[in-house]
Amino acid sequence: MLEIVFQDEHLVAINKPHGLLVHKSPIAADASEFAVQKLRDQLGQRVFPAHRLDRKTGGVLLFTLSHEANSLMQSMFENRRVQKIYHAIVRGFIPENGAIDYPLTNENGQTQDALTHYTRLATAEIPVAHGKHPTSRYSLVELTPETGRQHQLRKHLAHIFYPIIGDRPHGCNKQNRLWLETWNMNTMLLHATELRFEHPITGAQTSITAEFQAEFSRAKSLLGW
């Protein structure tokens, strides 16, 4: 059963597990389960994904329950009228806050503007050797993207040399191997925590949140957060 974190007659949101595809994709032929089908079967009615999350990302995933709501909600995402808040665990001590304004190239070769704001929430240095370093350093960071480019947060954090733990192919292979060998963890530690928007039908200010998935919580515990 998918965890439903919000539902009314127009919208429904789940806390998507890491590793679950939103819908069928030719580039992920190994997958047999998809959020759209699972939620449709769970509710016994048709659902429409209002936006996307990477397969490896967990957290708030919003669906609409009618063509009208779907059209309105998709327009809100396209026009940047939805605030998206993510959390990630990254390698190193990232600066306290900043903005990453770095254009990204999409799958069609088109270069698009991309802007991400970030705030560091916590740091940890643990006595686990990493390469030539006797310890390993990590940060918990809050991310608020203004644009919605494919793999934006993953690419932006890698661009400033604070890659997300568990990210492949944009992350740090040495850190990913360390987490797999030391703690048997290969989850990408990126979580869609909250969506904030004006309800497309009622006009009410709406906030939808999702608790961290189990592996993200385990990582936080390992780092003393």
N, C-alpha and C. Protein backbone atom coordinates (compact mmCIF):
# COMPACT_ATOMS: atom_id res chain seq x y z
N MET A 1 0.84 -1.20 0.00
CA MET A 1 0.00 0.00 0.00
C MET A 1 0.88 1.25 0.00
N LEU A 2 0.53 2.19 -0.86
CA LEU A 2 1.23 3.47 -0.87
C LEU A 2 0.73 4.33 0.28
N GLU A 3 1.64 5.09 0.87
CA GLU A 3 1.26 6.00 1.96
C GLU A 3 0.66 7.28 1.37
N ILE A 4 -0.62 7.52 1.65
CA ILE A 4 -1.29 8.72 1.18
C ILE A 4 -1.11 9.81 2.24
N VAL A 5 -0.57 10.96 1.81
CA VAL A 5 -0.29 12.05 2.75
C VAL A 5 -1.25 13.23 2.58
N PHE A 6 -2.04 13.20 1.51
CA PHE A 6 -3.06 14.24 1.30
C PHE A 6 -4.10 13.69 0.33
N GLN A 7 -5.37 14.00 0.60
CA GLN A 7 -6.41 13.60 -0.35
C GLN A 7 -7.66 14.45 -0.16
N ASP A 8 -8.20 14.97 -1.26
CA ASP A 8 -9.54 15.55 -1.27
C ASP A 8 -10.20 15.11 -2.57
N GLU A 9 -11.27 15.73 -2.97
CA GLU A 9 -11.99 15.24 -4.15
C GLU A 9 -11.28 15.60 -5.46
N HIS A 10 -10.23 16.43 -5.39
CA HIS A 10 -9.54 16.88 -6.59
C HIS A 10 -8.10 16.40 -6.69
N LEU A 11 -7.43 16.24 -5.55
CA LEU A 11 -6.01 15.93 -5.50
C LEU A 11 -5.73 14.78 -4.54
N VAL A 12 -4.65 14.07 -4.80
CA VAL A 12 -4.16 13.06 -3.86
C VAL A 12 -2.64 13.05 -3.97
N ALA A 13 -1.97 12.91 -2.84
CA ALA A 13 -0.50 12.88 -2.83
C ALA A 13 -0.03 11.69 -2.01
N ILE A 14 1.06 11.09 -2.46
CA ILE A 14 1.65 9.96 -1.75
C ILE A 14 3.07 10.31 -1.30
N ASN A 15 3.57 9.51 -0.37
CA ASN A 15 4.98 9.56 0.01
C ASN A 15 5.66 8.47 -0.81
N LYS A 16 6.18 8.85 -1.97
CA LYS A 16 6.74 7.86 -2.90
C LYS A 16 8.00 7.22 -2.34
N PRO A 17 8.06 5.89 -2.34
CA PRO A 17 9.30 5.23 -1.92
C PRO A 17 10.43 5.47 -2.91
N HIS A 18 11.66 5.48 -2.40
CA HIS A 18 12.82 5.50 -3.28
C HIS A 18 12.77 4.26 -4.17
N GLY A 19 13.07 4.44 -5.45
CA GLY A 19 13.14 3.30 -6.36
C GLY A 19 11.87 3.00 -7.13
N LEU A 20 10.78 3.69 -6.80
CA LEU A 20 9.52 3.46 -7.50
C LEU A 20 9.37 4.45 -8.65
N LEU A 21 9.17 3.93 -9.86
CA LEU A 21 8.94 4.78 -11.02
C LEU A 21 7.55 5.41 -10.95
N VAL A 22 7.41 6.63 -11.46
CA VAL A 22 6.10 7.27 -11.51
C VAL A 22 5.22 6.55 -12.52
N HIS A 23 5.76 6.27 -13.71
CA HIS A 23 5.00 5.56 -14.73
C HIS A 23 5.96 4.79 -15.61
N LYS A 24 5.44 3.99 -16.51
CA LYS A 24 6.27 3.17 -17.38
C LYS A 24 7.21 4.04 -18.20
N SER A 25 8.42 3.53 -18.38
CA SER A 25 9.43 4.27 -19.15
C SER A 25 10.28 3.28 -19.93
N PRO A 26 10.56 3.57 -21.20
CA PRO A 26 11.40 2.67 -22.00
C PRO A 26 12.83 2.58 -21.49
N ILE A 27 13.27 3.56 -20.71
CA ILE A 27 14.65 3.53 -20.19
C ILE A 27 14.75 2.77 -18.87
N ALA A 28 13.62 2.24 -18.39
CA ALA A 28 13.64 1.44 -17.15
C ALA A 28 12.81 0.18 -17.37
N ALA A 29 13.27 -0.62 -18.31
CA ALA A 29 12.52 -1.82 -18.69
C ALA A 29 12.51 -2.87 -17.58
N ASP A 30 13.39 -2.73 -16.58
CA ASP A 30 13.45 -3.70 -15.49
C ASP A 30 12.33 -3.53 -14.49
N ALA A 31 11.62 -2.39 -14.53
CA ALA A 31 10.60 -2.11 -13.52
C ALA A 31 9.28 -2.80 -13.84
N SER A 32 8.63 -3.29 -12.79
CA SER A 32 7.33 -3.94 -12.97
C SER A 32 6.23 -3.24 -12.17
N GLU A 33 6.62 -2.29 -11.32
CA GLU A 33 5.64 -1.55 -10.52
C GLU A 33 5.81 -0.06 -10.79
N PHE A 34 4.68 0.64 -10.81
CA PHE A 34 4.68 2.07 -11.11
C PHE A 34 3.68 2.77 -10.20
N ALA A 35 4.03 3.98 -9.79
CA ALA A 35 3.18 4.71 -8.85
C ALA A 35 1.78 4.95 -9.39
N VAL A 36 1.69 5.29 -10.68
CA VAL A 36 0.37 5.57 -11.27
C VAL A 36 -0.54 4.36 -11.15
N GLN A 37 -0.07 3.19 -11.56
CA GLN A 37 -0.90 2.00 -11.52
C GLN A 37 -1.22 1.57 -10.09
N LYS A 38 -0.19 1.64 -9.20
CA LYS A 38 -0.41 1.22 -7.82
C LYS A 38 -1.46 2.10 -7.14
N LEU A 39 -1.39 3.42 -7.35
CA LEU A 39 -2.34 4.33 -6.72
C LEU A 39 -3.72 4.18 -7.34
N ARG A 40 -3.78 4.00 -8.65
CA ARG A 40 -5.07 3.77 -9.32
C ARG A 40 -5.76 2.54 -8.74
N ASP A 41 -5.01 1.46 -8.59
CA ASP A 41 -5.60 0.23 -8.05
C ASP A 41 -5.99 0.40 -6.58
N GLN A 42 -5.19 1.15 -5.84
CA GLN A 42 -5.46 1.36 -4.42
C GLN A 42 -6.74 2.18 -4.20
N LEU A 43 -6.94 3.20 -5.04
CA LEU A 43 -8.10 4.07 -4.90
C LEU A 43 -9.31 3.59 -5.68
N GLY A 44 -9.06 2.73 -6.68
CA GLY A 44 -10.15 2.28 -7.53
C GLY A 44 -10.66 3.34 -8.47
N GLN A 45 -9.79 4.27 -8.87
CA GLN A 45 -10.17 5.31 -9.82
C GLN A 45 -8.93 5.80 -10.56
N ARG A 46 -9.16 6.49 -11.65
CA ARG A 46 -8.07 6.99 -12.47
C ARG A 46 -7.35 8.15 -11.77
N VAL A 47 -6.03 8.19 -11.91
CA VAL A 47 -5.23 9.28 -11.34
C VAL A 47 -4.28 9.80 -12.41
N PHE A 48 -3.91 11.08 -12.29
CA PHE A 48 -3.05 11.73 -13.27
C PHE A 48 -1.86 12.36 -12.53
N PRO A 49 -0.63 11.98 -12.85
CA PRO A 49 0.52 12.60 -12.18
C PRO A 49 0.63 14.08 -12.54
N ALA A 50 0.69 14.94 -11.53
CA ALA A 50 0.76 16.39 -11.76
C ALA A 50 2.19 16.86 -12.02
N HIS A 51 3.16 16.06 -11.63
CA HIS A 51 4.58 16.39 -11.85
C HIS A 51 5.35 15.08 -11.78
N ARG A 52 6.66 15.15 -11.75
CA ARG A 52 7.48 13.94 -11.72
C ARG A 52 8.51 14.01 -10.60
N LEU A 53 8.86 12.84 -10.13
CA LEU A 53 10.04 12.68 -9.27
C LEU A 53 10.90 11.60 -9.91
N ASP A 54 12.22 11.77 -9.80
CA ASP A 54 13.12 10.72 -10.26
C ASP A 54 12.77 9.41 -9.58
N ARG A 55 13.07 8.33 -10.27
CA ARG A 55 12.87 7.00 -9.67
C ARG A 55 13.57 6.87 -8.32
N LYS A 56 14.78 7.42 -8.22
CA LYS A 56 15.57 7.25 -6.99
C LYS A 56 15.16 8.19 -5.86
N THR A 57 14.34 9.20 -6.16
CA THR A 57 13.94 10.19 -5.16
C THR A 57 12.68 9.76 -4.44
N GLY A 58 12.66 9.92 -3.12
CA GLY A 58 11.45 9.65 -2.35
C GLY A 58 10.73 10.94 -2.01
N GLY A 59 9.49 10.80 -1.49
CA GLY A 59 8.80 11.96 -0.97
C GLY A 59 7.50 12.31 -1.67
N VAL A 60 7.07 13.56 -1.50
CA VAL A 60 5.75 14.00 -1.95
C VAL A 60 5.62 13.91 -3.47
N LEU A 61 4.65 13.12 -3.91
CA LEU A 61 4.32 13.00 -5.32
C LEU A 61 2.83 13.27 -5.46
N LEU A 62 2.48 14.29 -6.24
CA LEU A 62 1.10 14.77 -6.34
C LEU A 62 0.42 14.26 -7.60
N PHE A 63 -0.83 13.83 -7.42
CA PHE A 63 -1.69 13.40 -8.52
C PHE A 63 -2.98 14.21 -8.49
N THR A 64 -3.61 14.31 -9.64
CA THR A 64 -4.94 14.91 -9.72
C THR A 64 -5.96 13.82 -10.04
N LEU A 65 -7.23 14.13 -9.76
CA LEU A 65 -8.28 13.13 -9.92
C LEU A 65 -9.27 13.47 -11.02
N SER A 66 -8.97 14.52 -11.80
CA SER A 66 -9.84 14.89 -12.92
C SER A 66 -9.00 15.60 -13.98
N HIS A 67 -9.52 15.62 -15.21
CA HIS A 67 -8.81 16.32 -16.29
C HIS A 67 -8.72 17.82 -15.99
N GLU A 68 -9.78 18.39 -15.40
CA GLU A 68 -9.77 19.81 -15.08
C GLU A 68 -8.67 20.15 -14.07
N ALA A 69 -8.64 19.42 -12.98
CA ALA A 69 -7.62 19.67 -11.95
C ALA A 69 -6.23 19.42 -12.51
N ASN A 70 -6.10 18.42 -13.36
CA ASN A 70 -4.80 18.09 -13.93
C ASN A 70 -4.28 19.23 -14.80
N SER A 71 -5.14 19.79 -15.65
CA SER A 71 -4.74 20.90 -16.51
C SER A 71 -4.31 22.10 -15.68
N LEU A 72 -5.08 22.42 -14.65
CA LEU A 72 -4.77 23.57 -13.81
C LEU A 72 -3.48 23.35 -13.02
N MET A 73 -3.31 22.15 -12.47
CA MET A 73 -2.15 21.88 -11.63
C MET A 73 -0.88 21.85 -12.46
N GLN A 74 -0.94 21.25 -13.64
CA GLN A 74 0.25 21.22 -14.50
C GLN A 74 0.65 22.63 -14.92
N SER A 75 -0.34 23.49 -15.19
CA SER A 75 -0.04 24.88 -15.53
C SER A 75 0.65 25.58 -14.37
N MET A 76 0.24 25.27 -13.13
CA MET A 76 0.87 25.89 -11.97
C MET A 76 2.33 25.47 -11.83
N PHE A 77 2.61 24.20 -12.07
CA PHE A 77 4.00 23.75 -12.04
C PHE A 77 4.82 24.44 -13.13
N GLU A 78 4.26 24.50 -14.34
CA GLU A 78 4.98 25.10 -15.46
C GLU A 78 5.26 26.59 -15.24
N ASN A 79 4.34 27.26 -14.55
CA ASN A 79 4.49 28.69 -14.31
C ASN A 79 5.11 29.03 -12.96
N ARG A 80 5.70 28.03 -12.34
CA ARG A 80 6.47 28.18 -11.09
C ARG A 80 5.61 28.75 -9.96
N ARG A 81 4.38 28.28 -9.87
CA ARG A 81 3.48 28.72 -8.81
C ARG A 81 3.37 27.66 -7.72
N VAL A 82 4.27 26.68 -7.75
CA VAL A 82 4.34 25.64 -6.73
C VAL A 82 5.73 25.70 -6.11
N GLN A 83 5.78 25.88 -4.79
CA GLN A 83 7.08 25.87 -4.11
C GLN A 83 7.42 24.44 -3.72
N LYS A 84 8.61 24.01 -4.11
CA LYS A 84 9.06 22.64 -3.85
C LYS A 84 10.23 22.69 -2.86
N ILE A 85 10.15 21.89 -1.83
CA ILE A 85 11.20 21.84 -0.82
C ILE A 85 11.71 20.41 -0.71
N TYR A 86 13.02 20.26 -0.84
CA TYR A 86 13.66 18.94 -0.76
C TYR A 86 14.70 18.95 0.37
N HIS A 87 15.07 17.74 0.80
CA HIS A 87 16.21 17.58 1.69
C HIS A 87 17.15 16.53 1.09
N ALA A 88 18.44 16.74 1.31
CA ALA A 88 19.44 15.81 0.79
C ALA A 88 20.59 15.70 1.77
N ILE A 89 21.27 14.58 1.72
CA ILE A 89 22.52 14.39 2.46
C ILE A 89 23.63 14.37 1.42
N VAL A 90 24.61 15.25 1.60
CA VAL A 90 25.66 15.43 0.60
C VAL A 90 27.04 15.24 1.21
N ARG A 91 28.00 14.99 0.36
CA ARG A 91 29.40 14.87 0.77
C ARG A 91 29.96 16.24 1.12
N GLY A 92 30.68 16.33 2.24
CA GLY A 92 31.39 17.55 2.59
C GLY A 92 30.55 18.53 3.38
N PHE A 93 31.21 19.61 3.81
CA PHE A 93 30.54 20.69 4.55
C PHE A 93 30.17 21.77 3.54
N ILE A 94 28.93 21.73 3.08
CA ILE A 94 28.45 22.72 2.12
C ILE A 94 28.35 24.08 2.81
N PRO A 95 28.54 25.20 2.11
CA PRO A 95 28.35 26.52 2.74
C PRO A 95 26.97 26.64 3.37
N GLU A 96 26.84 27.61 4.29
CA GLU A 96 25.59 27.73 5.05
C GLU A 96 24.38 27.96 4.17
N ASN A 97 24.55 28.74 3.12
CA ASN A 97 23.45 28.95 2.18
C ASN A 97 24.01 29.51 0.89
N GLY A 98 23.20 29.45 -0.14
CA GLY A 98 23.64 29.96 -1.43
C GLY A 98 22.64 29.65 -2.52
N ALA A 99 23.00 30.04 -3.73
CA ALA A 99 22.17 29.78 -4.91
C ALA A 99 23.06 29.20 -6.00
N ILE A 100 22.55 28.21 -6.69
CA ILE A 100 23.26 27.60 -7.81
C ILE A 100 22.52 28.00 -9.07
N ASP A 101 23.10 28.90 -9.82
CA ASP A 101 22.51 29.40 -11.06
C ASP A 101 23.37 28.87 -12.19
N TYR A 102 22.97 27.71 -12.71
CA TYR A 102 23.81 27.01 -13.68
C TYR A 102 22.92 26.33 -14.71
N PRO A 103 22.97 26.77 -15.97
CA PRO A 103 22.11 26.17 -17.01
C PRO A 103 22.41 24.69 -17.20
N LEU A 104 21.37 23.94 -17.56
CA LEU A 104 21.49 22.50 -17.76
C LEU A 104 21.00 22.14 -19.16
N THR A 105 21.59 21.10 -19.72
CA THR A 105 21.21 20.62 -21.04
C THR A 105 20.28 19.43 -20.91
N ASN A 106 19.13 19.49 -21.57
CA ASN A 106 18.16 18.39 -21.45
C ASN A 106 18.48 17.28 -22.43
N GLU A 107 17.62 16.25 -22.45
CA GLU A 107 17.88 15.06 -23.26
C GLU A 107 17.82 15.35 -24.76
N ASN A 108 17.24 16.48 -25.12
CA ASN A 108 17.18 16.87 -26.53
C ASN A 108 18.32 17.80 -26.94
N GLY A 109 19.26 18.02 -26.02
CA GLY A 109 20.39 18.88 -26.32
C GLY A 109 20.12 20.36 -26.15
N GLN A 110 18.96 20.70 -25.59
CA GLN A 110 18.58 22.10 -25.39
C GLN A 110 19.10 22.60 -24.04
N THR A 111 19.74 23.76 -24.04
CA THR A 111 20.23 24.35 -22.79
C THR A 111 19.15 25.21 -22.18
N GLN A 112 18.88 24.97 -20.88
CA GLN A 112 17.81 25.67 -20.17
C GLN A 112 18.36 26.31 -18.90
N ASP A 113 17.81 27.46 -18.53
CA ASP A 113 18.20 28.08 -17.27
C ASP A 113 17.77 27.17 -16.13
N ALA A 114 18.53 27.19 -15.04
CA ALA A 114 18.22 26.36 -13.88
C ALA A 114 18.76 27.06 -12.64
N LEU A 115 17.89 27.17 -11.62
CA LEU A 115 18.26 27.89 -10.40
C LEU A 115 17.79 27.12 -9.17
N THR A 116 18.72 26.89 -8.24
CA THR A 116 18.43 26.18 -6.99
C THR A 116 18.97 26.98 -5.82
N HIS A 117 18.14 27.19 -4.80
CA HIS A 117 18.59 27.79 -3.54
C HIS A 117 18.81 26.67 -2.52
N TYR A 118 19.80 26.87 -1.65
CA TYR A 118 20.04 25.84 -0.64
C TYR A 118 20.39 26.47 0.71
N THR A 119 20.08 25.73 1.77
CA THR A 119 20.42 26.11 3.15
C THR A 119 20.95 24.88 3.87
N ARG A 120 22.10 25.02 4.48
CA ARG A 120 22.67 23.91 5.27
C ARG A 120 21.96 23.84 6.61
N LEU A 121 21.51 22.63 6.97
CA LEU A 121 20.79 22.44 8.23
C LEU A 121 21.65 21.80 9.31
N ALA A 122 22.60 20.96 8.92
CA ALA A 122 23.43 20.26 9.91
C ALA A 122 24.68 19.73 9.21
N THR A 123 25.71 19.47 10.01
CA THR A 123 26.93 18.83 9.50
C THR A 123 27.30 17.68 10.43
N ALA A 124 28.10 16.77 9.89
CA ALA A 124 28.60 15.64 10.68
C ALA A 124 29.97 15.24 10.15
N GLU A 125 30.86 14.93 11.07
CA GLU A 125 32.16 14.38 10.72
C GLU A 125 32.33 13.09 11.51
N ILE A 126 32.46 11.98 10.81
CA ILE A 126 32.48 10.68 11.49
C ILE A 126 33.82 9.99 11.25
N PRO A 127 34.26 9.13 12.20
CA PRO A 127 35.57 8.49 12.12
C PRO A 127 35.58 7.30 11.16
N VAL A 128 35.23 7.56 9.92
CA VAL A 128 35.28 6.54 8.87
C VAL A 128 36.20 7.08 7.78
N ALA A 129 37.28 6.38 7.51
CA ALA A 129 38.27 6.85 6.55
C ALA A 129 37.68 6.88 5.14
N HIS A 130 38.06 7.93 4.41
CA HIS A 130 37.60 8.08 3.03
C HIS A 130 38.79 8.53 2.19
N GLY A 131 39.30 7.61 1.36
CA GLY A 131 40.48 7.93 0.57
C GLY A 131 41.65 8.29 1.47
N LYS A 132 42.26 9.46 1.22
CA LYS A 132 43.40 9.90 2.02
C LYS A 132 42.97 10.59 3.31
N HIS A 133 41.66 10.74 3.50
CA HIS A 133 41.15 11.44 4.68
C HIS A 133 40.79 10.44 5.79
N PRO A 134 41.18 10.73 7.04
CA PRO A 134 40.88 9.80 8.14
C PRO A 134 39.42 9.83 8.59
N THR A 135 38.69 10.86 8.17
CA THR A 135 37.28 10.98 8.54
C THR A 135 36.44 11.26 7.29
N SER A 136 35.13 11.22 7.48
CA SER A 136 34.21 11.55 6.39
C SER A 136 33.28 12.66 6.86
N ARG A 137 33.04 13.63 5.99
CA ARG A 137 32.21 14.79 6.33
C ARG A 137 30.95 14.82 5.46
N TYR A 138 29.84 15.22 6.10
CA TYR A 138 28.56 15.26 5.41
C TYR A 138 27.74 16.46 5.86
N SER A 139 26.80 16.86 5.02
CA SER A 139 25.87 17.93 5.36
C SER A 139 24.45 17.49 5.05
N LEU A 140 23.52 17.95 5.89
CA LEU A 140 22.10 17.85 5.60
C LEU A 140 21.68 19.21 5.05
N VAL A 141 21.08 19.21 3.86
CA VAL A 141 20.80 20.47 3.18
C VAL A 141 19.35 20.54 2.74
N GLU A 142 18.75 21.72 2.87
CA GLU A 142 17.41 21.97 2.35
C GLU A 142 17.54 22.66 1.00
N LEU A 143 16.77 22.21 0.02
CA LEU A 143 16.88 22.69 -1.36
C LEU A 143 15.53 23.21 -1.83
N THR A 144 15.53 24.38 -2.46
CA THR A 144 14.31 24.93 -3.03
C THR A 144 14.60 25.33 -4.48
N PRO A 145 14.30 24.45 -5.42
CA PRO A 145 14.53 24.77 -6.83
C PRO A 145 13.47 25.74 -7.35
N GLU A 146 13.91 26.72 -8.11
CA GLU A 146 12.96 27.64 -8.75
C GLU A 146 12.53 27.12 -10.11
N THR A 147 13.39 26.32 -10.72
CA THR A 147 13.06 25.69 -12.00
C THR A 147 12.92 24.20 -11.78
N GLY A 148 12.43 23.49 -12.79
CA GLY A 148 12.18 22.06 -12.64
C GLY A 148 12.83 21.24 -13.74
N ARG A 149 14.13 21.36 -13.88
CA ARG A 149 14.84 20.64 -14.93
C ARG A 149 15.13 19.20 -14.51
N GLN A 150 15.30 18.33 -15.50
CA GLN A 150 15.56 16.93 -15.21
C GLN A 150 16.86 16.78 -14.42
N HIS A 151 16.78 16.08 -13.29
CA HIS A 151 17.94 15.82 -12.43
C HIS A 151 18.60 17.12 -11.95
N GLN A 152 17.82 18.19 -11.85
CA GLN A 152 18.40 19.50 -11.53
C GLN A 152 19.17 19.50 -10.22
N LEU A 153 18.55 19.02 -9.15
CA LEU A 153 19.22 19.07 -7.85
C LEU A 153 20.47 18.20 -7.84
N ARG A 154 20.39 17.04 -8.45
CA ARG A 154 21.52 16.14 -8.51
C ARG A 154 22.68 16.77 -9.28
N LYS A 155 22.39 17.36 -10.42
CA LYS A 155 23.43 17.97 -11.24
C LYS A 155 23.99 19.24 -10.60
N HIS A 156 23.10 20.04 -9.99
CA HIS A 156 23.56 21.28 -9.38
C HIS A 156 24.49 21.01 -8.19
N LEU A 157 24.14 20.06 -7.35
CA LEU A 157 25.00 19.78 -6.19
C LEU A 157 26.32 19.16 -6.63
N ALA A 158 26.29 18.34 -7.65
CA ALA A 158 27.54 17.80 -8.19
C ALA A 158 28.39 18.92 -8.79
N HIS A 159 27.74 19.90 -9.40
CA HIS A 159 28.46 21.01 -10.03
C HIS A 159 29.26 21.82 -9.02
N ILE A 160 28.73 21.97 -7.79
CA ILE A 160 29.46 22.72 -6.77
C ILE A 160 30.27 21.80 -5.85
N PHE A 161 30.41 20.52 -6.25
CA PHE A 161 31.28 19.55 -5.57
C PHE A 161 30.77 19.11 -4.20
N TYR A 162 29.44 19.10 -4.05
CA TYR A 162 28.81 18.52 -2.86
C TYR A 162 27.75 17.53 -3.33
N PRO A 163 28.18 16.41 -3.94
CA PRO A 163 27.23 15.49 -4.54
C PRO A 163 26.35 14.78 -3.51
N ILE A 164 25.17 14.40 -3.94
CA ILE A 164 24.23 13.68 -3.09
C ILE A 164 24.72 12.25 -2.90
N ILE A 165 24.69 11.78 -1.66
CA ILE A 165 25.10 10.40 -1.36
C ILE A 165 24.12 9.43 -2.04
N GLY A 166 24.68 8.44 -2.71
CA GLY A 166 23.88 7.43 -3.39
C GLY A 166 23.50 7.79 -4.81
N ASP A 167 23.88 8.98 -5.27
CA ASP A 167 23.52 9.39 -6.62
C ASP A 167 24.45 8.73 -7.64
N ARG A 168 23.85 8.11 -8.62
CA ARG A 168 24.56 7.58 -9.78
C ARG A 168 23.76 8.04 -10.99
N PRO A 169 24.39 8.69 -11.97
CA PRO A 169 25.83 8.81 -12.21
C PRO A 169 26.42 10.15 -11.79
N HIS A 170 25.66 11.03 -11.16
CA HIS A 170 26.15 12.38 -10.90
C HIS A 170 26.95 12.49 -9.60
N GLY A 171 26.88 11.48 -8.75
CA GLY A 171 27.49 11.56 -7.44
C GLY A 171 28.95 11.12 -7.40
N CYS A 172 29.40 10.81 -6.20
CA CYS A 172 30.78 10.40 -5.95
C CYS A 172 30.84 8.88 -5.83
N ASN A 173 31.50 8.22 -6.77
CA ASN A 173 31.57 6.76 -6.77
C ASN A 173 32.22 6.21 -5.51
N LYS A 174 33.25 6.92 -5.01
CA LYS A 174 33.95 6.45 -3.81
C LYS A 174 33.04 6.51 -2.59
N GLN A 175 32.27 7.60 -2.46
CA GLN A 175 31.35 7.70 -1.34
C GLN A 175 30.21 6.68 -1.47
N ASN A 176 29.72 6.51 -2.67
CA ASN A 176 28.65 5.53 -2.86
C ASN A 176 29.11 4.13 -2.48
N ARG A 177 30.34 3.79 -2.84
CA ARG A 177 30.90 2.49 -2.48
C ARG A 177 31.09 2.39 -0.97
N LEU A 178 31.53 3.47 -0.35
CA LEU A 178 31.71 3.49 1.10
C LEU A 178 30.40 3.20 1.82
N TRP A 179 29.33 3.86 1.40
CA TRP A 179 28.03 3.66 2.05
C TRP A 179 27.50 2.26 1.82
N LEU A 180 27.74 1.71 0.65
CA LEU A 180 27.28 0.36 0.37
C LEU A 180 28.06 -0.67 1.18
N GLU A 181 29.37 -0.51 1.22
CA GLU A 181 30.20 -1.51 1.91
C GLU A 181 30.14 -1.37 3.43
N THR A 182 29.99 -0.14 3.93
CA THR A 182 30.01 0.09 5.39
C THR A 182 28.64 -0.10 6.02
N TRP A 183 27.60 0.38 5.33
CA TRP A 183 26.25 0.36 5.93
C TRP A 183 25.20 -0.34 5.07
N ASN A 184 25.66 -1.01 4.02
CA ASN A 184 24.74 -1.74 3.12
C ASN A 184 23.62 -0.83 2.64
N MET A 185 23.99 0.38 2.21
CA MET A 185 23.01 1.35 1.75
C MET A 185 23.39 1.87 0.37
N ASN A 186 22.45 1.76 -0.56
CA ASN A 186 22.68 2.34 -1.89
C ASN A 186 21.54 3.26 -2.31
N THR A 187 20.69 3.64 -1.35
CA THR A 187 19.60 4.58 -1.61
C THR A 187 20.16 5.97 -1.91
N MET A 188 19.60 6.65 -2.90
CA MET A 188 19.98 8.04 -3.13
C MET A 188 19.29 8.91 -2.08
N LEU A 189 20.06 9.66 -1.33
CA LEU A 189 19.53 10.38 -0.16
C LEU A 189 19.01 11.76 -0.55
N LEU A 190 17.95 11.73 -1.34
CA LEU A 190 17.23 12.93 -1.77
C LEU A 190 15.75 12.69 -1.54
N HIS A 191 15.11 13.64 -0.83
CA HIS A 191 13.71 13.47 -0.42
C HIS A 191 12.91 14.73 -0.72
N ALA A 192 11.78 14.55 -1.40
CA ALA A 192 10.86 15.66 -1.67
C ALA A 192 9.98 15.85 -0.44
N THR A 193 10.30 16.87 0.36
CA THR A 193 9.70 17.03 1.68
C THR A 193 8.34 17.71 1.65
N GLU A 194 8.20 18.74 0.81
CA GLU A 194 6.97 19.55 0.90
C GLU A 194 6.65 20.21 -0.44
N LEU A 195 5.34 20.34 -0.71
CA LEU A 195 4.83 21.17 -1.79
C LEU A 195 3.92 22.22 -1.19
N ARG A 196 4.07 23.47 -1.64
CA ARG A 196 3.20 24.57 -1.19
C ARG A 196 2.61 25.25 -2.42
N PHE A 197 1.29 25.44 -2.41
CA PHE A 197 0.63 26.05 -3.56
C PHE A 197 -0.78 26.48 -3.20
N GLU A 198 -1.37 27.25 -4.09
CA GLU A 198 -2.77 27.63 -3.95
C GLU A 198 -3.60 26.56 -4.65
N HIS A 199 -4.53 25.97 -3.92
CA HIS A 199 -5.32 24.86 -4.47
C HIS A 199 -5.97 25.28 -5.78
N PRO A 200 -5.82 24.49 -6.86
CA PRO A 200 -6.30 24.92 -8.17
C PRO A 200 -7.82 25.05 -8.28
N ILE A 201 -8.55 24.40 -7.41
CA ILE A 201 -10.02 24.44 -7.45
C ILE A 201 -10.59 25.34 -6.36
N THR A 202 -10.13 25.16 -5.12
CA THR A 202 -10.71 25.90 -3.99
C THR A 202 -10.01 27.22 -3.73
N GLY A 203 -8.77 27.37 -4.19
CA GLY A 203 -7.99 28.58 -3.92
C GLY A 203 -7.35 28.61 -2.55
N ALA A 204 -7.54 27.56 -1.75
CA ALA A 204 -6.97 27.52 -0.40
C ALA A 204 -5.46 27.34 -0.46
N GLN A 205 -4.75 28.00 0.47
CA GLN A 205 -3.31 27.79 0.58
C GLN A 205 -3.07 26.37 1.09
N THR A 206 -2.30 25.61 0.36
CA THR A 206 -2.15 24.18 0.63
C THR A 206 -0.68 23.83 0.84
N SER A 207 -0.42 23.04 1.86
CA SER A 207 0.92 22.53 2.13
C SER A 207 0.83 21.02 2.32
N ILE A 208 1.62 20.29 1.56
CA ILE A 208 1.62 18.82 1.65
C ILE A 208 3.03 18.39 2.01
N THR A 209 3.17 17.62 3.07
CA THR A 209 4.49 17.18 3.52
C THR A 209 4.54 15.65 3.59
N ALA A 210 5.75 15.13 3.55
CA ALA A 210 5.97 13.68 3.66
C ALA A 210 7.18 13.43 4.55
N GLU A 211 7.03 12.51 5.48
CA GLU A 211 8.14 12.14 6.36
C GLU A 211 9.23 11.41 5.56
N PHE A 212 10.46 11.47 6.07
CA PHE A 212 11.56 10.77 5.42
C PHE A 212 11.26 9.27 5.35
N GLN A 213 11.68 8.66 4.25
CA GLN A 213 11.59 7.21 4.14
C GLN A 213 12.61 6.57 5.07
N ALA A 214 12.45 5.25 5.31
CA ALA A 214 13.22 4.54 6.33
C ALA A 214 14.74 4.65 6.11
N GLU A 215 15.20 4.51 4.87
CA GLU A 215 16.64 4.55 4.64
C GLU A 215 17.21 5.94 4.85
N PHE A 216 16.46 6.97 4.50
CA PHE A 216 16.91 8.34 4.74
C PHE A 216 17.01 8.57 6.25
N SER A 217 16.02 8.11 6.99
CA SER A 217 16.05 8.25 8.45
C SER A 217 17.21 7.48 9.04
N ARG A 218 17.50 6.30 8.50
CA ARG A 218 18.64 5.52 9.00
C ARG A 218 19.94 6.26 8.75
N ALA A 219 20.07 6.88 7.58
CA ALA A 219 21.28 7.65 7.29
C ALA A 219 21.44 8.81 8.26
N LYS A 220 20.34 9.51 8.54
CA LYS A 220 20.41 10.61 9.52
C LYS A 220 20.87 10.10 10.87
N SER A 221 20.34 8.95 11.28
CA SER A 221 20.73 8.38 12.57
C SER A 221 22.22 7.99 12.60
N LEU A 222 22.69 7.42 11.52
CA LEU A 222 24.11 7.05 11.44
C LEU A 222 25.01 8.27 11.58
N LEU A 223 24.53 9.41 11.13
CA LEU A 223 25.32 10.65 11.17
C LEU A 223 25.04 11.49 12.42
N GLY A 224 24.21 10.96 13.30
CA GLY A 224 23.96 11.64 14.58
C GLY A 224 22.99 12.78 14.52
N TRP A 225 22.11 12.81 13.52
CA TRP A 225 21.13 13.86 13.39
C TRP A 225 19.76 13.39 13.87
